[in-house]
Amino acid sequence: MIPFVNDAEMEAVLSAAREAGARSASYIPLRLPLEVKYLFREWLQEHYPLKAEHVMSLVQQMRGGRDNDPVFGSHMRGQGEFAHVLRRRFEIACRRLDLNVGERPALETRHFKLPSTSGDQFSLGL
C-alpha cells in the first residue's frame, strides 16, 4: 500500500478479490529498497507533486524514519501509527469479507514442471 496514494482503495480491492473467488489476502506497506527509492521519489514528484512530501513522511514513519526497513519481518508489516491503522483496516475488511478464515488450502503443485537441466537457463539460444 502506498500511503495517501492508494491506501484508500484497500477495502474495494479486497472486496473485488473476494467476489473473484479469493479466500485469503495479504498486503505489504510500500517498501523502497536500494535504487527503488530514487525511482519512486521521481515518480511521486511527477505524478503527485502536492502529496509527495506527505507520502514520504508517512513511508518514513512506517519504516523507522528511513525510506526502507531492511529488517526481516518488520519490513513486511511496517511500524508506527499509520502502519497500525492500515493493519486494523485490513483485518476488519478481511473479517467482514470472510477472508483468511480457517486453514489455508494446500499448495497445488501437480502442474509444476521442473525446468530443463540441459543448457543454461539464461541462454538466448544464439
Protein backbone atom coordinates (compact mmCIF):
# COMPACT_ATOMS: atom_id res chain seq x y z
CA MET A 1 0.00 0.00 0.00
CA ILE A 2 1.23 3.46 -0.86
CA PRO A 3 0.12 5.80 1.93
CA PHE A 4 -2.02 8.73 0.82
CA VAL A 5 -1.97 7.43 -2.79
CA ASN A 6 -3.79 4.09 -2.92
CA ASP A 7 -4.41 3.02 0.66
CA ALA A 8 -7.99 4.32 0.40
CA GLU A 9 -8.65 1.55 -2.16
CA MET A 10 -7.73 -1.31 0.19
CA GLU A 11 -11.28 -2.34 1.08
CA ALA A 12 -12.50 -2.11 -2.53
CA VAL A 13 -9.59 -4.24 -3.75
CA LEU A 14 -10.26 -6.85 -1.06
CA SER A 15 -13.96 -6.88 -1.93
CA ALA A 16 -13.24 -7.33 -5.64
CA ALA A 17 -10.78 -10.13 -4.86
CA ARG A 18 -13.39 -11.89 -2.72
CA GLU A 19 -16.01 -11.55 -5.47
CA ALA A 20 -13.50 -13.10 -7.88
CA GLY A 21 -13.11 -16.11 -5.59
CA ALA A 22 -10.20 -15.24 -3.31
CA ARG A 23 -10.24 -16.93 0.09
CA SER A 24 -7.19 -15.25 1.57
CA ALA A 25 -5.35 -11.97 1.20
CA SER A 26 -2.30 -10.11 2.45
CA TYR A 27 -0.64 -6.73 1.93
CA ILE A 28 2.73 -5.09 2.34
CA PRO A 29 3.21 -1.39 3.12
CA LEU A 30 5.35 0.32 0.49
CA ARG A 31 8.99 -0.73 0.59
CA LEU A 32 11.70 1.37 -1.06
CA PRO A 33 14.93 -0.62 -1.11
CA LEU A 34 18.14 0.46 -2.84
CA GLU A 35 17.61 2.26 -6.16
CA VAL A 36 13.83 1.88 -5.99
CA LYS A 37 13.61 4.77 -3.53
CA TYR A 38 15.08 7.18 -6.09
CA LEU A 39 12.80 5.96 -8.87
CA PHE A 40 9.76 6.17 -6.59
CA ARG A 41 10.59 9.68 -5.40
CA GLU A 42 10.94 10.80 -9.02
CA TRP A 43 7.64 9.13 -9.97
CA LEU A 44 5.92 10.60 -6.93
CA GLN A 45 7.15 14.14 -7.66
CA GLU A 46 6.00 13.84 -11.28
CA HIS A 47 2.54 12.37 -10.60
CA TYR A 48 1.67 13.66 -7.11
CA PRO A 49 3.77 16.78 -6.52
CA LEU A 50 1.37 18.19 -3.92
CA LYS A 51 1.28 14.92 -1.97
CA ALA A 52 4.93 13.88 -2.33
CA GLU A 53 6.24 15.30 0.93
CA HIS A 54 3.33 13.89 2.96
CA VAL A 55 3.58 10.46 1.29
CA MET A 56 7.29 10.22 2.07
CA SER A 57 6.67 11.36 5.64
CA LEU A 58 4.17 8.51 6.12
CA VAL A 59 6.52 5.99 4.46
CA GLN A 60 9.32 7.04 6.79
CA GLN A 61 7.02 6.86 9.83
CA MET A 62 6.26 3.24 8.89
CA ARG A 63 9.95 2.49 8.27
CA GLY A 64 11.60 3.77 11.45
CA GLY A 65 12.48 7.17 9.99
CA ARG A 66 14.02 5.73 6.82
CA ASP A 67 12.77 5.14 3.27
CA ASN A 68 13.18 1.40 3.82
CA ASP A 69 13.41 -1.01 6.72
CA PRO A 70 15.64 -3.95 5.71
CA VAL A 71 14.98 -5.93 8.91
CA PHE A 72 13.31 -9.23 8.05
CA GLY A 73 9.80 -9.44 9.47
CA SER A 74 9.25 -5.78 10.27
CA HIS A 75 9.77 -4.75 6.65
CA MET A 76 6.64 -6.74 5.74
CA ARG A 77 4.40 -5.05 8.34
CA GLY A 78 5.77 -1.59 8.99
CA GLN A 79 5.72 0.17 12.33
CA GLY A 80 4.12 3.20 13.92
CA GLU A 81 0.61 4.59 13.99
CA PHE A 82 -0.08 4.67 10.25
CA ALA A 83 1.08 1.05 9.83
CA HIS A 84 -1.17 0.09 12.75
CA VAL A 85 -4.17 1.83 11.15
CA LEU A 86 -3.53 0.03 7.84
CA ARG A 87 -3.24 -3.30 9.62
CA ARG A 88 -6.51 -2.75 11.53
CA ARG A 89 -8.38 -1.69 8.37
CA PHE A 90 -7.08 -4.79 6.62
CA GLU A 91 -8.08 -7.09 9.48
CA ILE A 92 -11.57 -5.58 9.72
CA ALA A 93 -12.15 -5.80 5.96
CA CYS A 94 -10.93 -9.42 5.86
CA ARG A 95 -13.22 -10.35 8.75
CA ARG A 96 -16.20 -8.66 7.02
CA LEU A 97 -15.44 -10.47 3.75
CA ASP A 98 -14.63 -13.86 5.33
CA LEU A 99 -11.07 -13.76 4.02
CA ASN A 100 -8.21 -15.53 5.83
CA VAL A 101 -10.66 -17.75 7.71
CA GLY A 102 -9.62 -21.28 8.66
CA GLU A 103 -6.68 -23.14 7.27
CA ARG A 104 -5.09 -22.11 4.02
CA PRO A 105 -5.58 -24.67 1.28
CA ALA A 106 -2.59 -26.84 0.45
CA LEU A 107 -0.39 -25.55 -2.33
CA GLU A 108 -1.34 -27.24 -5.60
CA THR A 109 1.85 -28.42 -7.32
CA ARG A 110 0.73 -31.16 -9.72
CA HIS A 111 1.01 -28.83 -12.73
CA PHE A 112 4.50 -27.66 -11.81
CA LYS A 113 7.20 -28.87 -14.19
CA LEU A 114 10.88 -28.88 -13.31
CA PRO A 115 13.00 -26.70 -15.58
CA SER A 116 15.17 -28.43 -18.12
CA THR A 117 18.67 -29.25 -16.94
CA SER A 118 20.04 -29.27 -20.46
CA GLY A 119 21.67 -25.93 -21.10
CA ASP A 120 21.90 -22.61 -19.36
CA GLN A 121 18.56 -21.10 -18.36
CA PHE A 122 19.94 -17.67 -19.23
CA SER A 123 20.90 -18.68 -22.74
CA LEU A 124 19.21 -16.85 -25.57
CA GLY A 125 19.85 -19.80 -27.85
CA LEU A 126 22.14 -17.81 -30.11
